[in-house]
Amino acid sequence: MKKLASICAGLLLALSTAAFAEEHAVAALEHANSALEHGKAGHNSVLVEHAKTALDHSLAASLVTKSIVKNHIDAAADLLQKAVDEGNLDHTASASKAVEDAIVHLKAANKK
């Protein structure tokens, strides 16, 4: 009976971490899309705000993901950090490009 309980607990833990990661990956993608939309409109400060939120969510997802998905989320996080840095320098075009590249990785991570 203890063995069955341990197996069930392990499965629940595995499933809950996957759901946690997926939730953050979806939120990161939503905020990255918002950042890109505002970047294309020239709203640099809003781009930075959404890019920071997307970065926070991608870092949270990265903590619990594995394999290829983690590689995509980590790449997206690096690009989102670049977008924040560029946006803080008022380089809206290069910040938007970094967000656009991050979106490609976040979409790939969400497909898995």
PDB file of N, CA and C in Angstrom:
ATOM      1  N   MET A   1       0.818  -1.185   0.000  1.00  0.00           N
ATOM      2  CA  MET A   1       0.000   0.000   0.000  1.00  0.00           C
ATOM      3  C   MET A   1       0.870   1.261   0.000  1.00  0.00           C
ATOM      4  N   LYS A   2       1.967   1.249   0.768  1.00  0.00           N
ATOM      5  CA  LYS A   2       2.852   2.409   0.811  1.00  0.00           C
ATOM      6  C   LYS A   2       3.504   2.640  -0.550  1.00  0.00           C
ATOM      7  N   LYS A   3       3.790   1.551  -1.243  1.00  0.00           N
ATOM      8  CA  LYS A   3       4.414   1.661  -2.554  1.00  0.00           C
ATOM      9  C   LYS A   3       3.462   2.352  -3.531  1.00  0.00           C
ATOM     10  N   LEU A   4       2.194   1.971  -3.489  1.00  0.00           N
ATOM     11  CA  LEU A   4       1.188   2.578  -4.358  1.00  0.00           C
ATOM     12  C   LEU A   4       1.023   4.063  -4.036  1.00  0.00           C
ATOM     13  N   ALA A   5       1.015   4.394  -2.763  1.00  0.00           N
ATOM     14  CA  ALA A   5       0.892   5.795  -2.352  1.00  0.00           C
ATOM     15  C   ALA A   5       2.097   6.609  -2.827  1.00  0.00           C
ATOM     16  N   SER A   6       3.279   6.019  -2.749  1.00  0.00           N
ATOM     17  CA  SER A   6       4.485   6.706  -3.209  1.00  0.00           C
ATOM     18  C   SER A   6       4.450   6.936  -4.710  1.00  0.00           C
ATOM     19  N   ILE A   7       3.988   5.944  -5.448  1.00  0.00           N
ATOM     20  CA  ILE A   7       3.884   6.074  -6.902  1.00  0.00           C
ATOM     21  C   ILE A   7       2.884   7.164  -7.264  1.00  0.00           C
ATOM     22  N   CYS A   8       1.742   7.167  -6.608  1.00  0.00           N
ATOM     23  CA  CYS A   8       0.719   8.188  -6.871  1.00  0.00           C
ATOM     24  C   CYS A   8       1.235   9.586  -6.534  1.00  0.00           C
ATOM     25  N   ALA A   9       1.935   9.705  -5.434  1.00  0.00           N
ATOM     26  CA  ALA A   9       2.489  11.003  -5.038  1.00  0.00           C
ATOM     27  C   ALA A   9       3.511  11.484  -6.065  1.00  0.00           C
ATOM     28  N   GLY A  10       4.338  10.576  -6.543  1.00  0.00           N
ATOM     29  CA  GLY A  10       5.328  10.921  -7.562  1.00  0.00           C
ATOM     30  C   GLY A  10       4.683  11.374  -8.855  1.00  0.00           C
ATOM     31  N   LEU A  11       3.635  10.684  -9.269  1.00  0.00           N
ATOM     32  CA  LEU A  11       2.919  11.075 -10.487  1.00  0.00           C
ATOM     33  C   LEU A  11       2.268  12.441 -10.339  1.00  0.00           C
ATOM     34  N   LEU A  12       1.664  12.683  -9.205  1.00  0.00           N
ATOM     35  CA  LEU A  12       1.035  13.987  -8.973  1.00  0.00           C
ATOM     36  C   LEU A  12       2.064  15.110  -8.993  1.00  0.00           C
ATOM     37  N   LEU A  13       3.210  14.868  -8.414  1.00  0.00           N
ATOM     38  CA  LEU A  13       4.267  15.871  -8.408  1.00  0.00           C
ATOM     39  C   LEU A  13       4.745  16.154  -9.830  1.00  0.00           C
ATOM     40  N   ALA A  14       4.959  15.103 -10.599  1.00  0.00           N
ATOM     41  CA  ALA A  14       5.415  15.272 -11.975  1.00  0.00           C
ATOM     42  C   ALA A  14       4.395  16.037 -12.805  1.00  0.00           C
ATOM     43  N   LEU A  15       3.135  15.699 -12.651  1.00  0.00           N
ATOM     44  CA  LEU A  15       2.091  16.373 -13.416  1.00  0.00           C
ATOM     45  C   LEU A  15       1.914  17.821 -12.978  1.00  0.00           C
ATOM     46  N   SER A  16       2.044  18.080 -11.700  1.00  0.00           N
ATOM     47  CA  SER A  16       1.854  19.452 -11.222  1.00  0.00           C
ATOM     48  C   SER A  16       2.982  20.366 -11.679  1.00  0.00           C
ATOM     49  N   THR A  17       4.221  19.869 -11.730  1.00  0.00           N
ATOM     50  CA  THR A  17       5.321  20.708 -12.200  1.00  0.00           C
ATOM     51  C   THR A  17       5.184  20.985 -13.685  1.00  0.00           C
ATOM     52  N   ALA A  18       4.695  20.012 -14.456  1.00  0.00           N
ATOM     53  CA  ALA A  18       4.476  20.233 -15.887  1.00  0.00           C
ATOM     54  C   ALA A  18       3.398  21.286 -16.101  1.00  0.00           C
ATOM     55  N   ALA A  19       2.344  21.215 -15.326  1.00  0.00           N
ATOM     56  CA  ALA A  19       1.267  22.203 -15.439  1.00  0.00           C
ATOM     57  C   ALA A  19       1.766  23.584 -15.027  1.00  0.00           C
ATOM     58  N   PHE A  20       2.588  23.645 -14.004  1.00  0.00           N
ATOM     59  CA  PHE A  20       3.163  24.910 -13.538  1.00  0.00           C
ATOM     60  C   PHE A  20       4.018  25.533 -14.633  1.00  0.00           C
ATOM     61  N   ALA A  21       4.853  24.725 -15.263  1.00  0.00           N
ATOM     62  CA  ALA A  21       5.726  25.225 -16.321  1.00  0.00           C
ATOM     63  C   ALA A  21       4.912  25.697 -17.514  1.00  0.00           C
ATOM     64  N   GLU A  22       3.900  24.913 -17.879  1.00  0.00           N
ATOM     65  CA  GLU A  22       3.069  25.273 -19.029  1.00  0.00           C
ATOM     66  C   GLU A  22       2.341  26.590 -18.778  1.00  0.00           C
ATOM     67  N   GLU A  23       1.834  26.758 -17.579  1.00  0.00           N
ATOM     68  CA  GLU A  23       1.125  27.989 -17.209  1.00  0.00           C
ATOM     69  C   GLU A  23       2.036  29.209 -17.376  1.00  0.00           C
ATOM     70  N   HIS A  24       3.269  29.094 -16.927  1.00  0.00           N
ATOM     71  CA  HIS A  24       4.205  30.209 -17.044  1.00  0.00           C
ATOM     72  C   HIS A  24       4.660  30.421 -18.486  1.00  0.00           C
ATOM     73  N   ALA A  25       4.820  29.342 -19.241  1.00  0.00           N
ATOM     74  CA  ALA A  25       5.228  29.482 -20.636  1.00  0.00           C
ATOM     75  C   ALA A  25       4.145  30.187 -21.446  1.00  0.00           C
ATOM     76  N   VAL A  26       2.889  29.863 -21.172  1.00  0.00           N
ATOM     77  CA  VAL A  26       1.773  30.518 -21.863  1.00  0.00           C
ATOM     78  C   VAL A  26       1.725  32.001 -21.490  1.00  0.00           C
ATOM     79  N   ALA A  27       1.884  32.304 -20.217  1.00  0.00           N
ATOM     80  CA  ALA A  27       1.873  33.706 -19.769  1.00  0.00           C
ATOM     81  C   ALA A  27       3.041  34.479 -20.380  1.00  0.00           C
ATOM     82  N   ALA A  28       4.198  33.844 -20.468  1.00  0.00           N
ATOM     83  CA  ALA A  28       5.361  34.497 -21.078  1.00  0.00           C
ATOM     84  C   ALA A  28       5.082  34.824 -22.537  1.00  0.00           C
ATOM     85  N   LEU A  29       4.455  33.901 -23.248  1.00  0.00           N
ATOM     86  CA  LEU A  29       4.125  34.127 -24.654  1.00  0.00           C
ATOM     87  C   LEU A  29       3.121  35.269 -24.805  1.00  0.00           C
ATOM     88  N   GLU A  30       2.121  35.303 -23.950  1.00  0.00           N
ATOM     89  CA  GLU A  30       1.123  36.382 -24.012  1.00  0.00           C
ATOM     90  C   GLU A  30       1.770  37.751 -23.789  1.00  0.00           C
ATOM     91  N   HIS A  31       2.631  37.845 -22.796  1.00  0.00           N
ATOM     92  CA  HIS A  31       3.283  39.128 -22.520  1.00  0.00           C
ATOM     93  C   HIS A  31       4.301  39.486 -23.603  1.00  0.00           C
ATOM     94  N   ALA A  32       4.965  38.497 -24.160  1.00  0.00           N
ATOM     95  CA  ALA A  32       5.902  38.773 -25.252  1.00  0.00           C
ATOM     96  C   ALA A  32       5.149  39.305 -26.469  1.00  0.00           C
ATOM     97  N   ASN A  33       3.989  38.720 -26.765  1.00  0.00           N
ATOM     98  CA  ASN A  33       3.177  39.219 -27.878  1.00  0.00           C
ATOM     99  C   ASN A  33       2.729  40.657 -27.622  1.00  0.00           C
ATOM    100  N   SER A  34       2.348  40.954 -26.397  1.00  0.00           N
ATOM    101  CA  SER A  34       1.960  42.330 -26.048  1.00  0.00           C
ATOM    102  C   SER A  34       3.154  43.276 -26.187  1.00  0.00           C
ATOM    103  N   ALA A  35       4.318  42.825 -25.755  1.00  0.00           N
ATOM    104  CA  ALA A  35       5.522  43.648 -25.876  1.00  0.00           C
ATOM    105  C   ALA A  35       5.813  43.957 -27.338  1.00  0.00           C
ATOM    106  N   LEU A  36       5.690  42.953 -28.193  1.00  0.00           N
ATOM    107  CA  LEU A  36       5.950  43.154 -29.618  1.00  0.00           C
ATOM    108  C   LEU A  36       4.944  44.131 -30.220  1.00  0.00           C
ATOM    109  N   GLU A  37       3.693  43.964 -29.869  1.00  0.00           N
ATOM    110  CA  GLU A  37       2.645  44.852 -30.377  1.00  0.00           C
ATOM    111  C   GLU A  37       2.940  46.311 -29.999  1.00  0.00           C
ATOM    112  N   HIS A  38       3.303  46.540 -28.756  1.00  0.00           N
ATOM    113  CA  HIS A  38       3.609  47.901 -28.311  1.00  0.00           C
ATOM    114  C   HIS A  38       4.924  48.404 -28.900  1.00  0.00           C
ATOM    115  N   GLY A  39       5.865  47.511 -29.105  1.00  0.00           N
ATOM    116  CA  GLY A  39       7.120  47.911 -29.730  1.00  0.00           C
ATOM    117  C   GLY A  39       6.911  48.377 -31.155  1.00  0.00           C
ATOM    118  N   LYS A  40       6.071  47.664 -31.894  1.00  0.00           N
ATOM    119  CA  LYS A  40       5.778  48.063 -33.273  1.00  0.00           C
ATOM    120  C   LYS A  40       5.033  49.392 -33.320  1.00  0.00           C
ATOM    121  N   ALA A  41       4.290  49.694 -32.255  1.00  0.00           N
ATOM    122  CA  ALA A  41       3.570  50.971 -32.179  1.00  0.00           C
ATOM    123  C   ALA A  41       4.461  52.092 -31.639  1.00  0.00           C
ATOM    124  N   GLY A  42       5.693  51.753 -31.259  1.00  0.00           N
ATOM    125  CA  GLY A  42       6.622  52.755 -30.758  1.00  0.00           C
ATOM    126  C   GLY A  42       6.473  53.079 -29.281  1.00  0.00           C
ATOM    127  N   HIS A  43       5.748  52.253 -28.560  1.00  0.00           N
ATOM    128  CA  HIS A  43       5.544  52.468 -27.120  1.00  0.00           C
ATOM    129  C   HIS A  43       6.640  51.744 -26.342  1.00  0.00           C
ATOM    130  N   ASN A  44       7.794  52.347 -26.284  1.00  0.00           N
ATOM    131  CA  ASN A  44       8.968  51.694 -25.714  1.00  0.00           C
ATOM    132  C   ASN A  44       8.790  51.299 -24.252  1.00  0.00           C
ATOM    133  N   SER A  45       8.243  52.180 -23.434  1.00  0.00           N
ATOM    134  CA  SER A  45       8.126  51.883 -21.999  1.00  0.00           C
ATOM    135  C   SER A  45       7.178  50.711 -21.746  1.00  0.00           C
ATOM    136  N   VAL A  46       6.125  50.602 -22.547  1.00  0.00           N
ATOM    137  CA  VAL A  46       5.181  49.486 -22.385  1.00  0.00           C
ATOM    138  C   VAL A  46       5.821  48.198 -22.889  1.00  0.00           C
ATOM    139  N   LEU A  47       6.615  48.300 -23.954  1.00  0.00           N
ATOM    140  CA  LEU A  47       7.364  47.137 -24.442  1.00  0.00           C
ATOM    141  C   LEU A  47       8.240  46.590 -23.323  1.00  0.00           C
ATOM    142  N   VAL A  48       8.977  47.460 -22.654  1.00  0.00           N
ATOM    143  CA  VAL A  48       9.878  47.032 -21.574  1.00  0.00           C
ATOM    144  C   VAL A  48       9.087  46.389 -20.444  1.00  0.00           C
ATOM    145  N   GLU A  49       7.956  46.982 -20.095  1.00  0.00           N
ATOM    146  CA  GLU A  49       7.128  46.445 -19.009  1.00  0.00           C
ATOM    147  C   GLU A  49       6.663  45.019 -19.316  1.00  0.00           C
ATOM    148  N   HIS A  50       6.146  44.808 -20.528  1.00  0.00           N
ATOM    149  CA  HIS A  50       5.676  43.470 -20.898  1.00  0.00           C
ATOM    150  C   HIS A  50       6.842  42.499 -21.082  1.00  0.00           C
ATOM    151  N   ALA A  51       7.960  42.980 -21.599  1.00  0.00           N
ATOM    152  CA  ALA A  51       9.127  42.108 -21.766  1.00  0.00           C
ATOM    153  C   ALA A  51       9.647  41.640 -20.408  1.00  0.00           C
ATOM    154  N   LYS A  52       9.629  42.536 -19.410  1.00  0.00           N
ATOM    155  CA  LYS A  52      10.060  42.144 -18.060  1.00  0.00           C
ATOM    156  C   LYS A  52       9.136  41.074 -17.476  1.00  0.00           C
ATOM    157  N   THR A  53       7.837  41.255 -17.672  1.00  0.00           N
ATOM    158  CA  THR A  53       6.881  40.270 -17.158  1.00  0.00           C
ATOM    159  C   THR A  53       7.050  38.940 -17.877  1.00  0.00           C
ATOM    160  N   ALA A  54       7.246  38.994 -19.199  1.00  0.00           N
ATOM    161  CA  ALA A  54       7.482  37.766 -19.966  1.00  0.00           C
ATOM    162  C   ALA A  54       8.760  37.083 -19.491  1.00  0.00           C
ATOM    163  N   LEU A  55       9.779  37.871 -19.207  1.00  0.00           N
ATOM    164  CA  LEU A  55      11.043  37.326 -18.698  1.00  0.00           C
ATOM    165  C   LEU A  55      10.832  36.632 -17.360  1.00  0.00           C
ATOM    166  N   ASP A  56      10.091  37.261 -16.461  1.00  0.00           N
ATOM    167  CA  ASP A  56       9.814  36.645 -15.157  1.00  0.00           C
ATOM    168  C   ASP A  56       9.110  35.301 -15.316  1.00  0.00           C
ATOM    169  N   HIS A  57       8.116  35.254 -16.200  1.00  0.00           N
ATOM    170  CA  HIS A  57       7.384  34.003 -16.413  1.00  0.00           C
ATOM    171  C   HIS A  57       8.270  32.945 -17.080  1.00  0.00           C
ATOM    172  N   SER A  58       9.113  33.360 -18.013  1.00  0.00           N
ATOM    173  CA  SER A  58       9.977  32.373 -18.667  1.00  0.00           C
ATOM    174  C   SER A  58      11.011  31.814 -17.691  1.00  0.00           C
ATOM    175  N   LEU A  59      11.505  32.645 -16.794  1.00  0.00           N
ATOM    176  CA  LEU A  59      12.451  32.148 -15.782  1.00  0.00           C
ATOM    177  C   LEU A  59      11.769  31.184 -14.816  1.00  0.00           C
ATOM    178  N   ALA A  60      10.528  31.478 -14.456  1.00  0.00           N
ATOM    179  CA  ALA A  60       9.780  30.567 -13.577  1.00  0.00           C
ATOM    180  C   ALA A  60       9.536  29.233 -14.274  1.00  0.00           C
ATOM    181  N   ALA A  61       9.211  29.276 -15.557  1.00  0.00           N
ATOM    182  CA  ALA A  61       8.989  28.036 -16.310  1.00  0.00           C
ATOM    183  C   ALA A  61      10.286  27.252 -16.460  1.00  0.00           C
ATOM    184  N   SER A  62      11.380  27.956 -16.633  1.00  0.00           N
ATOM    185  CA  SER A  62      12.674  27.303 -16.824  1.00  0.00           C
ATOM    186  C   SER A  62      13.107  26.492 -15.606  1.00  0.00           C
ATOM    187  N   LEU A  63      12.667  26.913 -14.436  1.00  0.00           N
ATOM    188  CA  LEU A  63      13.058  26.209 -13.209  1.00  0.00           C
ATOM    189  C   LEU A  63      12.533  24.778 -13.148  1.00  0.00           C
ATOM    190  N   VAL A  64      11.407  24.507 -13.805  1.00  0.00           N
ATOM    191  CA  VAL A  64      10.786  23.187 -13.674  1.00  0.00           C
ATOM    192  C   VAL A  64      10.703  22.407 -14.980  1.00  0.00           C
ATOM    193  N   THR A  65      11.169  22.981 -16.085  1.00  0.00           N
ATOM    194  CA  THR A  65      11.108  22.249 -17.348  1.00  0.00           C
ATOM    195  C   THR A  65      12.398  21.481 -17.587  1.00  0.00           C
ATOM    196  N   LYS A  66      12.328  20.592 -18.556  1.00  0.00           N
ATOM    197  CA  LYS A  66      13.473  19.751 -18.895  1.00  0.00           C
ATOM    198  C   LYS A  66      13.605  19.653 -20.412  1.00  0.00           C
ATOM    199  N   SER A  67      14.737  19.174 -20.849  1.00  0.00           N
ATOM    200  CA  SER A  67      14.969  18.770 -22.222  1.00  0.00           C
ATOM    201  C   SER A  67      14.910  19.940 -23.202  1.00  0.00           C
ATOM    202  N   ILE A  68      14.377  19.661 -24.383  1.00  0.00           N
ATOM    203  CA  ILE A  68      14.331  20.630 -25.477  1.00  0.00           C
ATOM    204  C   ILE A  68      13.485  21.835 -25.098  1.00  0.00           C
ATOM    205  N   VAL A  69      12.400  21.607 -24.380  1.00  0.00           N
ATOM    206  CA  VAL A  69      11.535  22.710 -23.958  1.00  0.00           C
ATOM    207  C   VAL A  69      12.332  23.702 -23.115  1.00  0.00           C
ATOM    208  N   LYS A  70      13.151  23.202 -22.214  1.00  0.00           N
ATOM    209  CA  LYS A  70      13.976  24.074 -21.363  1.00  0.00           C
ATOM    210  C   LYS A  70      14.940  24.888 -22.217  1.00  0.00           C
ATOM    211  N   ASN A  71      15.505  24.271 -23.243  1.00  0.00           N
ATOM    212  CA  ASN A  71      16.423  24.996 -24.122  1.00  0.00           C
ATOM    213  C   ASN A  71      15.722  26.174 -24.793  1.00  0.00           C
ATOM    214  N   HIS A  72      14.491  25.948 -25.262  1.00  0.00           N
ATOM    215  CA  HIS A  72      13.731  27.026 -25.901  1.00  0.00           C
ATOM    216  C   HIS A  72      13.379  28.120 -24.896  1.00  0.00           C
ATOM    217  N   ILE A  73      12.961  27.727 -23.715  1.00  0.00           N
ATOM    218  CA  ILE A  73      12.587  28.722 -22.704  1.00  0.00           C
ATOM    219  C   ILE A  73      13.812  29.521 -22.260  1.00  0.00           C
ATOM    220  N   ASP A  74      14.949  28.859 -22.108  1.00  0.00           N
ATOM    221  CA  ASP A  74      16.176  29.568 -21.734  1.00  0.00           C
ATOM    222  C   ASP A  74      16.612  30.544 -22.828  1.00  0.00           C
ATOM    223  N   ALA A  75      16.492  30.111 -24.092  1.00  0.00           N
ATOM    224  CA  ALA A  75      16.831  31.001 -25.210  1.00  0.00           C
ATOM    225  C   ALA A  75      15.891  32.201 -25.234  1.00  0.00           C
ATOM    226  N   ALA A  76      14.612  31.950 -24.986  1.00  0.00           N
ATOM    227  CA  ALA A  76      13.637  33.046 -24.940  1.00  0.00           C
ATOM    228  C   ALA A  76      13.967  34.006 -23.807  1.00  0.00           C
ATOM    229  N   ALA A  77      14.348  33.474 -22.657  1.00  0.00           N
ATOM    230  CA  ALA A  77      14.697  34.326 -21.512  1.00  0.00           C
ATOM    231  C   ALA A  77      15.891  35.216 -21.841  1.00  0.00           C
ATOM    232  N   ASP A  78      16.893  34.655 -22.507  1.00  0.00           N
ATOM    233  CA  ASP A  78      18.060  35.454 -22.901  1.00  0.00           C
ATOM    234  C   ASP A  78      17.652  36.591 -23.840  1.00  0.00           C
ATOM    235  N   LEU A  79      16.781  36.263 -24.798  1.00  0.00           N
ATOM    236  CA  LEU A  79      16.327  37.273 -25.751  1.00  0.00           C
ATOM    237  C   LEU A  79      15.437  38.322 -25.090  1.00  0.00           C
ATOM    238  N   LEU A  80      14.618  37.899 -24.147  1.00  0.00           N
ATOM    239  CA  LEU A  80      13.774  38.859 -23.431  1.00  0.00           C
ATOM    240  C   LEU A  80      14.626  39.795 -22.574  1.00  0.00           C
ATOM    241  N   GLN A  81      15.693  39.263 -21.986  1.00  0.00           N
ATOM    242  CA  GLN A  81      16.611  40.125 -21.228  1.00  0.00           C
ATOM    243  C   GLN A  81      17.257  41.143 -22.159  1.00  0.00           C
ATOM    244  N   LYS A  82      17.627  40.687 -23.356  1.00  0.00           N
ATOM    245  CA  LYS A  82      18.201  41.603 -24.348  1.00  0.00           C
ATOM    246  C   LYS A  82      17.179  42.674 -24.718  1.00  0.00           C
ATOM    247  N   ALA A  83      15.915  42.275 -24.868  1.00  0.00           N
ATOM    248  CA  ALA A  83      14.859  43.235 -25.207  1.00  0.00           C
ATOM    249  C   ALA A  83      14.702  44.283 -24.107  1.00  0.00           C
ATOM    250  N   VAL A  84      14.740  43.845 -22.868  1.00  0.00           N
ATOM    251  CA  VAL A  84      14.633  44.781 -21.740  1.00  0.00           C
ATOM    252  C   VAL A  84      15.820  45.748 -21.753  1.00  0.00           C
ATOM    253  N   ASP A  85      17.009  45.202 -21.950  1.00  0.00           N
ATOM    254  CA  ASP A  85      18.210  46.047 -21.972  1.00  0.00           C
ATOM    255  C   ASP A  85      18.152  47.068 -23.109  1.00  0.00           C
ATOM    256  N   GLU A  86      17.789  46.607 -24.296  1.00  0.00           N
ATOM    257  CA  GLU A  86      17.687  47.500 -25.455  1.00  0.00           C
ATOM    258  C   GLU A  86      16.572  48.523 -25.252  1.00  0.00           C
ATOM    259  N   GLY A  87      15.457  48.076 -24.700  1.00  0.00           N
ATOM    260  CA  GLY A  87      14.344  48.985 -24.446  1.00  0.00           C
ATOM    261  C   GLY A  87      14.704  50.060 -23.445  1.00  0.00           C
ATOM    262  N   ASN A  88      15.463  49.697 -22.434  1.00  0.00           N
ATOM    263  CA  ASN A  88      15.904  50.683 -21.441  1.00  0.00           C
ATOM    264  C   ASN A  88      16.827  51.735 -22.051  1.00  0.00           C
ATOM    265  N   LEU A  89      17.460  51.383 -23.165  1.00  0.00           N
ATOM    266  CA  LEU A  89      18.314  52.335 -23.884  1.00  0.00           C
ATOM    267  C   LEU A  89      17.536  53.091 -24.963  1.00  0.00           C
ATOM    268  N   ASP A  90      16.214  52.889 -24.995  1.00  0.00           N
ATOM    269  CA  ASP A  90      15.326  53.493 -26.005  1.00  0.00           C
ATOM    270  C   ASP A  90      15.624  53.012 -27.423  1.00  0.00           C
ATOM    271  N   HIS A  91      16.132  51.807 -27.549  1.00  0.00           N
ATOM    272  CA  HIS A  91      16.349  51.191 -28.859  1.00  0.00           C
ATOM    273  C   HIS A  91      15.155  50.289 -29.164  1.00  0.00           C
ATOM    274  N   THR A  92      14.039  50.913 -29.502  1.00  0.00           N
ATOM    275  CA  THR A  92      12.780  50.188 -29.661  1.00  0.00           C
ATOM    276  C   THR A  92      12.850  49.148 -30.770  1.00  0.00           C
ATOM    277  N   ALA A  93      13.492  49.471 -31.881  1.00  0.00           N
ATOM    278  CA  ALA A  93      13.549  48.541 -33.011  1.00  0.00           C
ATOM    279  C   ALA A  93      14.308  47.269 -32.645  1.00  0.00           C
ATOM    280  N   SER A  94      15.469  47.412 -32.026  1.00  0.00           N
ATOM    281  CA  SER A  94      16.243  46.212 -31.672  1.00  0.00           C
ATOM    282  C   SER A  94      15.587  45.458 -30.519  1.00  0.00           C
ATOM    283  N   ALA A  95      14.903  46.170 -29.626  1.00  0.00           N
ATOM    284  CA  ALA A  95      14.162  45.499 -28.548  1.00  0.00           C
ATOM    285  C   ALA A  95      13.012  44.690 -29.132  1.00  0.00           C
ATOM    286  N   SER A  96      12.324  45.265 -30.111  1.00  0.00           N
ATOM    287  CA  SER A  96      11.214  44.551 -30.763  1.00  0.00           C
ATOM    288  C   SER A  96      11.715  43.306 -31.483  1.00  0.00           C
ATOM    289  N   LYS A  97      12.873  43.411 -32.126  1.00  0.00           N
ATOM    290  CA  LYS A  97      13.454  42.260 -32.830  1.00  0.00           C
ATOM    291  C   LYS A  97      13.800  41.152 -31.837  1.00  0.00           C
ATOM    292  N   ALA A  98      14.344  41.516 -30.689  1.00  0.00           N
ATOM    293  CA  ALA A  98      14.679  40.515 -29.673  1.00  0.00           C
ATOM    294  C   ALA A  98      13.417  39.835 -29.150  1.00  0.00           C
ATOM    295  N   VAL A  99      12.354  40.614 -28.943  1.00  0.00           N
ATOM    296  CA  VAL A  99      11.083  40.033 -28.494  1.00  0.00           C
ATOM    297  C   VAL A  99      10.528  39.101 -29.564  1.00  0.00           C
ATOM    298  N   GLU A 100      10.614  39.524 -30.814  1.00  0.00           N
ATOM    299  CA  GLU A 100      10.121  38.701 -31.918  1.00  0.00           C
ATOM    300  C   GLU A 100      10.854  37.357 -31.960  1.00  0.00           C
ATOM    301  N   ASP A 101      12.155  37.386 -31.772  1.00  0.00           N
ATOM    302  CA  ASP A 101      12.938  36.146 -31.742  1.00  0.00           C
ATOM    303  C   ASP A 101      12.579  35.293 -30.524  1.00  0.00           C
ATOM    304  N   ALA A 102      12.312  35.939 -29.396  1.00  0.00           N
ATOM    305  CA  ALA A 102      11.910  35.206 -28.189  1.00  0.00           C
ATOM    306  C   ALA A 102      10.572  34.509 -28.399  1.00  0.00           C
ATOM    307  N   ILE A 103       9.674  35.157 -29.113  1.00  0.00           N
ATOM    308  CA  ILE A 103       8.355  34.571 -29.379  1.00  0.00           C
ATOM    309  C   ILE A 103       8.487  33.264 -30.147  1.00  0.00           C
ATOM    310  N   VAL A 104       9.427  33.211 -31.078  1.00  0.00           N
ATOM    311  CA  VAL A 104       9.659  31.969 -31.837  1.00  0.00           C
ATOM    312  C   VAL A 104      10.005  30.834 -30.879  1.00  0.00           C
ATOM    313  N   HIS A 105      10.872  31.102 -29.927  1.00  0.00           N
ATOM    314  CA  HIS A 105      11.263  30.071 -28.956  1.00  0.00           C
ATOM    315  C   HIS A 105      10.117  29.717 -28.011  1.00  0.00           C
ATOM    316  N   LEU A 106       9.353  30.707 -27.581  1.00  0.00           N
ATOM    317  CA  LEU A 106       8.229  30.430 -26.680  1.00  0.00           C
ATOM    318  C   LEU A 106       7.148  29.609 -27.378  1.00  0.00           C
ATOM    319  N   LYS A 107       6.921  29.893 -28.654  1.00  0.00           N
ATOM    320  CA  LYS A 107       5.948  29.090 -29.410  1.00  0.00           C
ATOM    321  C   LYS A 107       6.435  27.653 -29.536  1.00  0.00           C
ATOM    322  N   ALA A 108       7.718  27.480 -29.787  1.00  0.00           N
ATOM    323  CA  ALA A 108       8.278  26.126 -29.885  1.00  0.00           C
ATOM    324  C   ALA A 108       8.167  25.400 -28.549  1.00  0.00           C
ATOM    325  N   ALA A 109       8.386  26.104 -27.461  1.00  0.00           N
ATOM    326  CA  ALA A 109       8.281  25.491 -26.131  1.00  0.00           C
ATOM    327  C   ALA A 109       6.842  25.110 -25.815  1.00  0.00           C
ATOM    328  N   ASN A 110       5.894  25.904 -26.247  1.00  0.00           N
ATOM    329  CA  ASN A 110       4.486  25.628 -25.965  1.00  0.00           C
ATOM    330  C   ASN A 110       3.914  24.515 -26.829  1.00  0.00           C
ATOM    331  N   LYS A 111       4.594  24.174 -27.932  1.00  0.00           N
ATOM    332  CA  LYS A 111       4.133  23.073 -28.788  1.00  0.00           C
ATOM    333  C   LYS A 111       4.420  21.718 -28.174  1.00  0.00           C
ATOM    334  N   LYS A 112       5.430  21.633 -27.349  1.00  0.00           N
ATOM    335  CA  LYS A 112       5.878  20.342 -26.802  1.00  0.00           C
ATOM    336  C   LYS A 112       4.917  19.809 -25.781  1.00  0.00           C
TER     337      LYS A 112
END
